Amino acid sequence: MFTIKAGYSDNIEVRSSAERVREFFTDLKNFADLMPGILSIHTDAKGVAHWKVEADIPFVGPMMTKFATELAENSDERVEWFPATVETQNLLRFSAEFLEKAKNVTLVHFSQMVELRRRSARELHMLAGLAGETLISNEMAKRISEMIKVFIVRAKERLEN
């Protein structure tokens, strides 16, 4: 099995109410609007969210892929999406936890994990085997961090104005 993994986790302080911040992170449209590389997200009748993502995979090049996620938790303190139970190759998980530090100041712990699984490296790209899982995973983690950091800046601008 050829597996590429990348993740991001950080705490973000937002000058807005916990309720407003939670509503923002619950609305997947915000991810499609504000995160580079997210082409679209639509939720089907069964509640599965289908993410269409275009990313520059290191040593592989531009790649468009789809992720299917299901809402695993939706509480006042946490929102979490897991890979859909039928998904075996393109796995996406993200969560956001909310802690109101003061009136209109909310701490958000945001994390996102991406995993691409293929039976062989060639299924991802002809040269992926030469680069190897570790090198591609490390470079993909850098790209995901860049995407999420742009999203966070844009999210804070929207929430704090």
N, C-alpha and C. Protein backbone atom coordinates (compact mmCIF):
# COMPACT_ATOMS: atom_id res chain seq x y z
N MET A 1 0.86 -1.18 0.00
CA MET A 1 0.00 0.00 0.00
C MET A 1 0.90 1.24 0.00
N PHE A 2 0.63 2.16 -0.89
CA PHE A 2 1.35 3.43 -0.97
C PHE A 2 0.46 4.49 -0.32
N THR A 3 0.94 5.08 0.79
CA THR A 3 0.10 6.00 1.57
C THR A 3 0.81 7.33 1.76
N ILE A 4 0.11 8.39 1.43
CA ILE A 4 0.58 9.76 1.63
C ILE A 4 -0.28 10.37 2.72
N LYS A 5 0.36 10.96 3.73
CA LYS A 5 -0.38 11.57 4.84
C LYS A 5 0.12 12.99 5.07
N ALA A 6 -0.81 13.85 5.43
CA ALA A 6 -0.45 15.22 5.78
C ALA A 6 -1.49 15.75 6.75
N GLY A 7 -1.05 16.61 7.65
CA GLY A 7 -1.97 17.17 8.61
C GLY A 7 -1.58 18.56 9.04
N TYR A 8 -2.53 19.21 9.67
CA TYR A 8 -2.33 20.56 10.18
C TYR A 8 -3.15 20.70 11.45
N SER A 9 -2.58 21.38 12.44
CA SER A 9 -3.30 21.62 13.68
C SER A 9 -2.78 22.93 14.27
N ASP A 10 -3.71 23.77 14.74
CA ASP A 10 -3.31 25.04 15.32
C ASP A 10 -4.46 25.60 16.15
N ASN A 11 -4.13 26.51 17.05
CA ASN A 11 -5.11 27.27 17.80
C ASN A 11 -5.20 28.66 17.20
N ILE A 12 -6.42 29.14 17.04
CA ILE A 12 -6.67 30.44 16.44
C ILE A 12 -7.57 31.24 17.38
N GLU A 13 -7.20 32.45 17.66
CA GLU A 13 -8.04 33.32 18.48
C GLU A 13 -8.81 34.25 17.54
N VAL A 14 -10.13 34.26 17.70
CA VAL A 14 -11.00 35.04 16.83
C VAL A 14 -11.80 36.01 17.69
N ARG A 15 -11.82 37.26 17.29
CA ARG A 15 -12.60 38.27 18.02
C ARG A 15 -14.05 38.24 17.52
N SER A 16 -14.76 37.23 18.01
CA SER A 16 -16.16 37.03 17.67
C SER A 16 -16.75 36.05 18.68
N SER A 17 -18.06 35.99 18.76
CA SER A 17 -18.70 35.10 19.71
C SER A 17 -18.51 33.64 19.31
N ALA A 18 -18.52 32.76 20.30
CA ALA A 18 -18.36 31.33 20.04
C ALA A 18 -19.48 30.83 19.12
N GLU A 19 -20.68 31.33 19.33
CA GLU A 19 -21.82 30.90 18.50
C GLU A 19 -21.60 31.26 17.02
N ARG A 20 -21.15 32.47 16.78
CA ARG A 20 -20.91 32.91 15.40
C ARG A 20 -19.75 32.13 14.77
N VAL A 21 -18.70 31.90 15.53
CA VAL A 21 -17.55 31.15 15.03
C VAL A 21 -17.96 29.72 14.72
N ARG A 22 -18.73 29.10 15.61
CA ARG A 22 -19.19 27.74 15.39
C ARG A 22 -20.05 27.64 14.13
N GLU A 23 -20.97 28.58 13.96
CA GLU A 23 -21.81 28.60 12.76
C GLU A 23 -20.96 28.70 11.50
N PHE A 24 -19.91 29.52 11.57
CA PHE A 24 -19.02 29.68 10.42
C PHE A 24 -18.34 28.36 10.06
N PHE A 25 -17.78 27.66 11.04
CA PHE A 25 -17.06 26.41 10.78
C PHE A 25 -17.99 25.26 10.45
N THR A 26 -19.26 25.38 10.79
CA THR A 26 -20.24 24.35 10.45
C THR A 26 -20.68 24.46 9.00
N ASP A 27 -20.62 25.65 8.45
CA ASP A 27 -21.07 25.91 7.07
C ASP A 27 -19.94 25.59 6.09
N LEU A 28 -20.03 24.45 5.42
CA LEU A 28 -18.97 24.03 4.50
C LEU A 28 -18.78 24.98 3.33
N LYS A 29 -19.78 25.78 3.03
CA LYS A 29 -19.66 26.75 1.95
C LYS A 29 -18.49 27.71 2.23
N ASN A 30 -18.24 28.01 3.49
CA ASN A 30 -17.13 28.89 3.84
C ASN A 30 -15.78 28.29 3.44
N PHE A 31 -15.64 26.98 3.56
CA PHE A 31 -14.39 26.33 3.15
C PHE A 31 -14.22 26.44 1.63
N ALA A 32 -15.30 26.20 0.90
CA ALA A 32 -15.22 26.29 -0.56
C ALA A 32 -14.93 27.72 -1.01
N ASP A 33 -15.49 28.70 -0.31
CA ASP A 33 -15.30 30.10 -0.68
C ASP A 33 -13.93 30.64 -0.30
N LEU A 34 -13.37 30.20 0.81
CA LEU A 34 -12.19 30.86 1.37
C LEU A 34 -10.89 30.06 1.33
N MET A 35 -10.96 28.76 1.09
CA MET A 35 -9.73 27.96 1.09
C MET A 35 -9.25 27.73 -0.34
N PRO A 36 -8.03 28.13 -0.63
CA PRO A 36 -7.50 27.88 -1.98
C PRO A 36 -7.49 26.37 -2.27
N GLY A 37 -7.80 26.02 -3.49
CA GLY A 37 -7.77 24.63 -3.91
C GLY A 37 -9.08 23.89 -3.76
N ILE A 38 -10.02 24.42 -2.98
CA ILE A 38 -11.32 23.76 -2.84
C ILE A 38 -12.19 24.26 -3.98
N LEU A 39 -12.45 23.40 -4.93
CA LEU A 39 -13.25 23.79 -6.10
C LEU A 39 -14.74 23.83 -5.78
N SER A 40 -15.19 22.86 -4.99
CA SER A 40 -16.60 22.84 -4.61
C SER A 40 -16.81 21.85 -3.46
N ILE A 41 -17.90 22.07 -2.76
CA ILE A 41 -18.36 21.12 -1.73
C ILE A 41 -19.87 21.07 -1.85
N HIS A 42 -20.41 19.88 -2.01
CA HIS A 42 -21.87 19.75 -1.99
C HIS A 42 -22.23 18.57 -1.09
N THR A 43 -23.36 18.70 -0.44
CA THR A 43 -23.84 17.67 0.46
C THR A 43 -25.02 16.96 -0.21
N ASP A 44 -24.94 15.63 -0.28
CA ASP A 44 -26.01 14.87 -0.93
C ASP A 44 -27.16 14.61 0.05
N ALA A 45 -28.19 13.92 -0.43
CA ALA A 45 -29.40 13.67 0.35
C ALA A 45 -29.13 12.80 1.59
N LYS A 46 -28.03 12.05 1.58
CA LYS A 46 -27.69 11.19 2.72
C LYS A 46 -26.81 11.92 3.74
N GLY A 47 -26.51 13.20 3.48
CA GLY A 47 -25.69 13.97 4.40
C GLY A 47 -24.19 13.85 4.18
N VAL A 48 -23.79 13.17 3.11
CA VAL A 48 -22.37 13.04 2.79
C VAL A 48 -21.92 14.29 2.04
N ALA A 49 -20.86 14.91 2.55
CA ALA A 49 -20.30 16.11 1.90
C ALA A 49 -19.21 15.66 0.93
N HIS A 50 -19.35 16.08 -0.32
CA HIS A 50 -18.40 15.71 -1.36
C HIS A 50 -17.52 16.93 -1.67
N TRP A 51 -16.24 16.83 -1.33
CA TRP A 51 -15.27 17.89 -1.54
C TRP A 51 -14.53 17.62 -2.85
N LYS A 52 -14.50 18.58 -3.73
CA LYS A 52 -13.71 18.49 -4.96
C LYS A 52 -12.52 19.42 -4.76
N VAL A 53 -11.31 18.83 -4.74
CA VAL A 53 -10.11 19.57 -4.38
C VAL A 53 -9.08 19.46 -5.49
N GLU A 54 -8.47 20.58 -5.80
CA GLU A 54 -7.35 20.58 -6.75
C GLU A 54 -6.12 21.03 -5.99
N ALA A 55 -5.09 20.22 -6.05
CA ALA A 55 -3.87 20.54 -5.32
C ALA A 55 -2.65 20.16 -6.15
N ASP A 56 -1.58 20.86 -5.88
CA ASP A 56 -0.32 20.53 -6.51
C ASP A 56 0.39 19.56 -5.59
N ILE A 57 0.35 18.28 -5.94
CA ILE A 57 0.97 17.25 -5.13
C ILE A 57 2.46 17.23 -5.46
N PRO A 58 3.31 17.41 -4.47
CA PRO A 58 4.75 17.43 -4.72
C PRO A 58 5.23 16.18 -5.45
N PHE A 59 6.07 16.39 -6.44
CA PHE A 59 6.67 15.34 -7.26
C PHE A 59 5.65 14.59 -8.12
N VAL A 60 4.40 14.97 -8.03
CA VAL A 60 3.35 14.35 -8.82
C VAL A 60 2.77 15.38 -9.78
N GLY A 61 2.60 16.60 -9.30
CA GLY A 61 2.04 17.68 -10.10
C GLY A 61 0.60 17.95 -9.72
N PRO A 62 -0.08 18.78 -10.52
CA PRO A 62 -1.47 19.12 -10.22
C PRO A 62 -2.36 17.88 -10.27
N MET A 63 -3.26 17.80 -9.31
CA MET A 63 -4.15 16.65 -9.24
C MET A 63 -5.49 17.10 -8.69
N MET A 64 -6.55 16.66 -9.32
CA MET A 64 -7.90 16.93 -8.83
C MET A 64 -8.40 15.63 -8.22
N THR A 65 -8.91 15.72 -7.00
CA THR A 65 -9.42 14.53 -6.33
C THR A 65 -10.67 14.89 -5.55
N LYS A 66 -11.40 13.88 -5.15
CA LYS A 66 -12.63 14.08 -4.39
C LYS A 66 -12.52 13.37 -3.05
N PHE A 67 -13.10 13.99 -2.03
CA PHE A 67 -13.17 13.43 -0.69
C PHE A 67 -14.63 13.39 -0.29
N ALA A 68 -15.05 12.30 0.31
CA ALA A 68 -16.41 12.19 0.83
C ALA A 68 -16.32 12.15 2.35
N THR A 69 -17.03 13.08 3.01
CA THR A 69 -16.99 13.15 4.47
C THR A 69 -18.40 13.12 5.05
N GLU A 70 -18.46 12.66 6.29
CA GLU A 70 -19.73 12.63 7.02
C GLU A 70 -19.55 13.38 8.33
N LEU A 71 -20.59 14.07 8.73
CA LEU A 71 -20.56 14.80 9.99
C LEU A 71 -20.54 13.80 11.14
N ALA A 72 -19.46 13.84 11.92
CA ALA A 72 -19.30 12.90 13.03
C ALA A 72 -19.74 13.51 14.35
N GLU A 73 -19.56 14.84 14.49
CA GLU A 73 -19.96 15.52 15.71
C GLU A 73 -20.37 16.94 15.37
N ASN A 74 -21.45 17.37 15.98
CA ASN A 74 -21.93 18.74 15.78
C ASN A 74 -22.53 19.20 17.10
N SER A 75 -21.64 19.63 18.00
CA SER A 75 -22.09 20.09 19.31
C SER A 75 -21.69 21.55 19.49
N ASP A 76 -22.09 22.15 20.60
CA ASP A 76 -21.72 23.54 20.86
C ASP A 76 -20.21 23.71 20.96
N GLU A 77 -19.51 22.69 21.40
CA GLU A 77 -18.07 22.78 21.63
C GLU A 77 -17.23 22.26 20.48
N ARG A 78 -17.81 21.49 19.55
CA ARG A 78 -16.98 20.81 18.54
C ARG A 78 -17.79 20.49 17.28
N VAL A 79 -17.11 20.65 16.14
CA VAL A 79 -17.63 20.21 14.85
C VAL A 79 -16.56 19.31 14.25
N GLU A 80 -16.96 18.11 13.78
CA GLU A 80 -15.97 17.19 13.23
C GLU A 80 -16.57 16.42 12.05
N TRP A 81 -15.80 16.36 10.99
CA TRP A 81 -16.16 15.61 9.79
C TRP A 81 -15.14 14.49 9.62
N PHE A 82 -15.62 13.26 9.38
CA PHE A 82 -14.78 12.08 9.17
C PHE A 82 -14.94 11.61 7.72
N PRO A 83 -14.01 10.81 7.24
CA PRO A 83 -14.20 10.20 5.92
C PRO A 83 -15.48 9.37 5.91
N ALA A 84 -16.20 9.42 4.81
CA ALA A 84 -17.41 8.62 4.68
C ALA A 84 -17.04 7.14 4.83
N THR A 85 -17.94 6.37 5.37
CA THR A 85 -17.64 4.96 5.65
C THR A 85 -17.29 4.16 4.40
N VAL A 86 -17.77 4.59 3.24
CA VAL A 86 -17.48 3.86 2.00
C VAL A 86 -16.15 4.28 1.37
N GLU A 87 -15.53 5.34 1.87
CA GLU A 87 -14.29 5.86 1.28
C GLU A 87 -13.09 5.03 1.72
N THR A 88 -12.25 4.64 0.76
CA THR A 88 -11.06 3.84 1.08
C THR A 88 -9.76 4.44 0.55
N GLN A 89 -9.85 5.41 -0.37
CA GLN A 89 -8.63 5.94 -0.98
C GLN A 89 -8.31 7.38 -0.58
N ASN A 90 -9.29 8.26 -0.61
CA ASN A 90 -9.08 9.68 -0.35
C ASN A 90 -9.77 10.04 0.96
N LEU A 91 -8.98 10.16 2.01
CA LEU A 91 -9.53 10.35 3.34
C LEU A 91 -9.26 11.76 3.84
N LEU A 92 -10.31 12.44 4.27
CA LEU A 92 -10.22 13.79 4.80
C LEU A 92 -10.96 13.83 6.13
N ARG A 93 -10.30 14.39 7.14
CA ARG A 93 -10.91 14.58 8.45
C ARG A 93 -10.57 15.98 8.91
N PHE A 94 -11.57 16.70 9.38
CA PHE A 94 -11.26 17.99 10.00
C PHE A 94 -12.17 18.20 11.19
N SER A 95 -11.62 18.95 12.14
CA SER A 95 -12.40 19.27 13.33
C SER A 95 -12.07 20.68 13.78
N ALA A 96 -13.02 21.26 14.47
CA ALA A 96 -12.83 22.57 15.09
C ALA A 96 -13.50 22.52 16.46
N GLU A 97 -12.72 22.89 17.47
CA GLU A 97 -13.23 22.96 18.84
C GLU A 97 -13.28 24.43 19.25
N PHE A 98 -14.31 24.80 20.02
CA PHE A 98 -14.56 26.20 20.34
C PHE A 98 -14.55 26.42 21.85
N LEU A 99 -13.80 27.42 22.27
CA LEU A 99 -13.74 27.79 23.67
C LEU A 99 -13.86 29.31 23.77
N GLU A 100 -14.92 29.76 24.40
CA GLU A 100 -15.11 31.20 24.56
C GLU A 100 -14.22 31.67 25.71
N LYS A 101 -13.18 32.45 25.36
CA LYS A 101 -12.21 32.94 26.35
C LYS A 101 -12.75 34.16 27.09
N ALA A 102 -13.48 34.99 26.38
CA ALA A 102 -14.06 36.21 26.94
C ALA A 102 -15.22 36.58 26.04
N LYS A 103 -15.93 37.63 26.42
CA LYS A 103 -17.04 38.06 25.57
C LYS A 103 -16.47 38.44 24.19
N ASN A 104 -16.98 37.79 23.16
CA ASN A 104 -16.58 38.02 21.78
C ASN A 104 -15.11 37.73 21.51
N VAL A 105 -14.54 36.79 22.24
CA VAL A 105 -13.20 36.26 21.96
C VAL A 105 -13.29 34.75 22.07
N THR A 106 -13.06 34.07 20.96
CA THR A 106 -13.20 32.61 20.91
C THR A 106 -11.89 31.98 20.46
N LEU A 107 -11.47 30.97 21.18
CA LEU A 107 -10.31 30.18 20.80
C LEU A 107 -10.81 28.98 20.00
N VAL A 108 -10.24 28.79 18.83
CA VAL A 108 -10.61 27.67 17.97
C VAL A 108 -9.39 26.76 17.82
N HIS A 109 -9.57 25.49 18.17
CA HIS A 109 -8.54 24.50 17.87
C HIS A 109 -8.98 23.82 16.59
N PHE A 110 -8.22 24.05 15.52
CA PHE A 110 -8.57 23.56 14.18
C PHE A 110 -7.56 22.50 13.78
N SER A 111 -8.03 21.37 13.29
CA SER A 111 -7.11 20.36 12.76
C SER A 111 -7.70 19.73 11.52
N GLN A 112 -6.79 19.35 10.63
CA GLN A 112 -7.20 18.71 9.38
C GLN A 112 -6.17 17.64 9.03
N MET A 113 -6.64 16.49 8.64
CA MET A 113 -5.79 15.38 8.22
C MET A 113 -6.23 14.92 6.84
N VAL A 114 -5.26 14.67 5.98
CA VAL A 114 -5.52 14.17 4.64
C VAL A 114 -4.68 12.92 4.44
N GLU A 115 -5.28 11.90 3.86
CA GLU A 115 -4.54 10.68 3.55
C GLU A 115 -4.99 10.18 2.19
N LEU A 116 -4.01 9.89 1.35
CA LEU A 116 -4.27 9.30 0.03
C LEU A 116 -3.69 7.89 0.05
N ARG A 117 -4.52 6.91 -0.23
CA ARG A 117 -4.08 5.51 -0.23
C ARG A 117 -4.23 4.93 -1.63
N ARG A 118 -3.18 4.27 -2.06
CA ARG A 118 -3.21 3.58 -3.35
C ARG A 118 -2.54 2.22 -3.19
N ARG A 119 -2.94 1.25 -4.00
CA ARG A 119 -2.31 -0.06 -3.94
C ARG A 119 -0.83 0.02 -4.32
N SER A 120 -0.52 0.89 -5.28
CA SER A 120 0.88 1.08 -5.67
C SER A 120 1.11 2.56 -5.96
N ALA A 121 2.35 2.97 -5.90
CA ALA A 121 2.71 4.37 -6.15
C ALA A 121 2.29 4.80 -7.56
N ARG A 122 2.36 3.89 -8.51
CA ARG A 122 2.01 4.22 -9.91
C ARG A 122 0.56 4.67 -10.06
N GLU A 123 -0.32 4.22 -9.16
CA GLU A 123 -1.71 4.65 -9.23
C GLU A 123 -1.84 6.14 -8.94
N LEU A 124 -0.90 6.68 -8.18
CA LEU A 124 -0.89 8.11 -7.89
C LEU A 124 -0.19 8.86 -9.02
N HIS A 125 0.98 8.38 -9.40
CA HIS A 125 1.77 8.99 -10.48
C HIS A 125 2.92 8.04 -10.81
N MET A 126 3.35 8.05 -12.05
CA MET A 126 4.42 7.16 -12.49
C MET A 126 5.71 7.37 -11.70
N LEU A 127 5.98 8.59 -11.25
CA LEU A 127 7.23 8.88 -10.55
C LEU A 127 7.09 8.90 -9.03
N ALA A 128 5.90 8.66 -8.52
CA ALA A 128 5.68 8.74 -7.07
C ALA A 128 6.54 7.74 -6.32
N GLY A 129 6.76 6.57 -6.86
CA GLY A 129 7.57 5.57 -6.20
C GLY A 129 9.01 6.00 -6.02
N LEU A 130 9.54 6.76 -6.99
CA LEU A 130 10.91 7.25 -6.87
C LEU A 130 11.05 8.27 -5.75
N ALA A 131 10.07 9.14 -5.61
CA ALA A 131 10.12 10.17 -4.57
C ALA A 131 9.87 9.55 -3.20
N GLY A 132 8.97 8.61 -3.12
CA GLY A 132 8.68 7.92 -1.87
C GLY A 132 7.60 8.59 -1.04
N GLU A 133 7.01 7.79 -0.18
CA GLU A 133 5.90 8.25 0.67
C GLU A 133 6.30 9.39 1.59
N THR A 134 7.44 9.26 2.25
CA THR A 134 7.84 10.25 3.26
C THR A 134 8.08 11.62 2.64
N LEU A 135 8.83 11.66 1.56
CA LEU A 135 9.13 12.94 0.92
C LEU A 135 7.86 13.61 0.40
N ILE A 136 7.01 12.84 -0.25
CA ILE A 136 5.75 13.41 -0.77
C ILE A 136 4.86 13.85 0.39
N SER A 137 4.77 13.06 1.44
CA SER A 137 3.95 13.42 2.60
C SER A 137 4.44 14.72 3.23
N ASN A 138 5.74 14.85 3.42
CA ASN A 138 6.29 16.07 4.01
C ASN A 138 6.00 17.30 3.16
N GLU A 139 6.17 17.17 1.86
CA GLU A 139 5.91 18.30 0.97
C GLU A 139 4.41 18.62 0.90
N MET A 140 3.58 17.58 0.92
CA MET A 140 2.13 17.81 0.89
C MET A 140 1.68 18.50 2.18
N ALA A 141 2.29 18.15 3.32
CA ALA A 141 1.97 18.81 4.59
C ALA A 141 2.27 20.30 4.50
N LYS A 142 3.36 20.67 3.85
CA LYS A 142 3.69 22.10 3.67
C LYS A 142 2.61 22.79 2.84
N ARG A 143 2.18 22.15 1.75
CA ARG A 143 1.16 22.75 0.87
C ARG A 143 -0.17 22.90 1.61
N ILE A 144 -0.54 21.89 2.38
CA ILE A 144 -1.81 21.95 3.12
C ILE A 144 -1.74 23.06 4.16
N SER A 145 -0.60 23.19 4.83
CA SER A 145 -0.43 24.28 5.81
C SER A 145 -0.62 25.63 5.14
N GLU A 146 -0.06 25.80 3.96
CA GLU A 146 -0.21 27.07 3.23
C GLU A 146 -1.68 27.33 2.91
N MET A 147 -2.40 26.31 2.43
CA MET A 147 -3.81 26.46 2.09
C MET A 147 -4.62 26.85 3.33
N ILE A 148 -4.37 26.16 4.43
CA ILE A 148 -5.15 26.41 5.64
C ILE A 148 -4.82 27.77 6.24
N LYS A 149 -3.57 28.17 6.19
CA LYS A 149 -3.20 29.48 6.72
C LYS A 149 -3.90 30.60 5.96
N VAL A 150 -4.02 30.46 4.65
CA VAL A 150 -4.78 31.44 3.85
C VAL A 150 -6.24 31.41 4.29
N PHE A 151 -6.80 30.22 4.45
CA PHE A 151 -8.18 30.09 4.89
C PHE A 151 -8.39 30.77 6.24
N ILE A 152 -7.49 30.55 7.18
CA ILE A 152 -7.63 31.12 8.52
C ILE A 152 -7.59 32.64 8.47
N VAL A 153 -6.68 33.20 7.71
CA VAL A 153 -6.61 34.66 7.57
C VAL A 153 -7.94 35.20 7.03
N ARG A 154 -8.44 34.55 5.98
CA ARG A 154 -9.71 34.99 5.38
C ARG A 154 -10.88 34.79 6.34
N ALA A 155 -10.87 33.67 7.07
CA ALA A 155 -11.95 33.39 8.01
C ALA A 155 -11.98 34.45 9.13
N LYS A 156 -10.80 34.77 9.66
CA LYS A 156 -10.74 35.78 10.71
C LYS A 156 -11.23 37.14 10.21
N GLU A 157 -10.84 37.49 8.98
CA GLU A 157 -11.31 38.77 8.40
C GLU A 157 -12.84 38.78 8.32
N ARG A 158 -13.41 37.68 7.88
CA ARG A 158 -14.88 37.63 7.75
C ARG A 158 -15.56 37.64 9.11
N LEU A 159 -15.03 36.90 10.05
CA LEU A 159 -15.66 36.80 11.37
C LEU A 159 -15.47 38.04 12.23
N GLU A 160 -14.36 38.74 12.05
CA GLU A 160 -14.07 39.88 12.92
C GLU A 160 -14.58 41.20 12.36
N ASN A 161 -15.16 41.19 11.19
CA ASN A 161 -15.72 42.42 10.60
C ASN A 161 -17.22 42.41 10.64
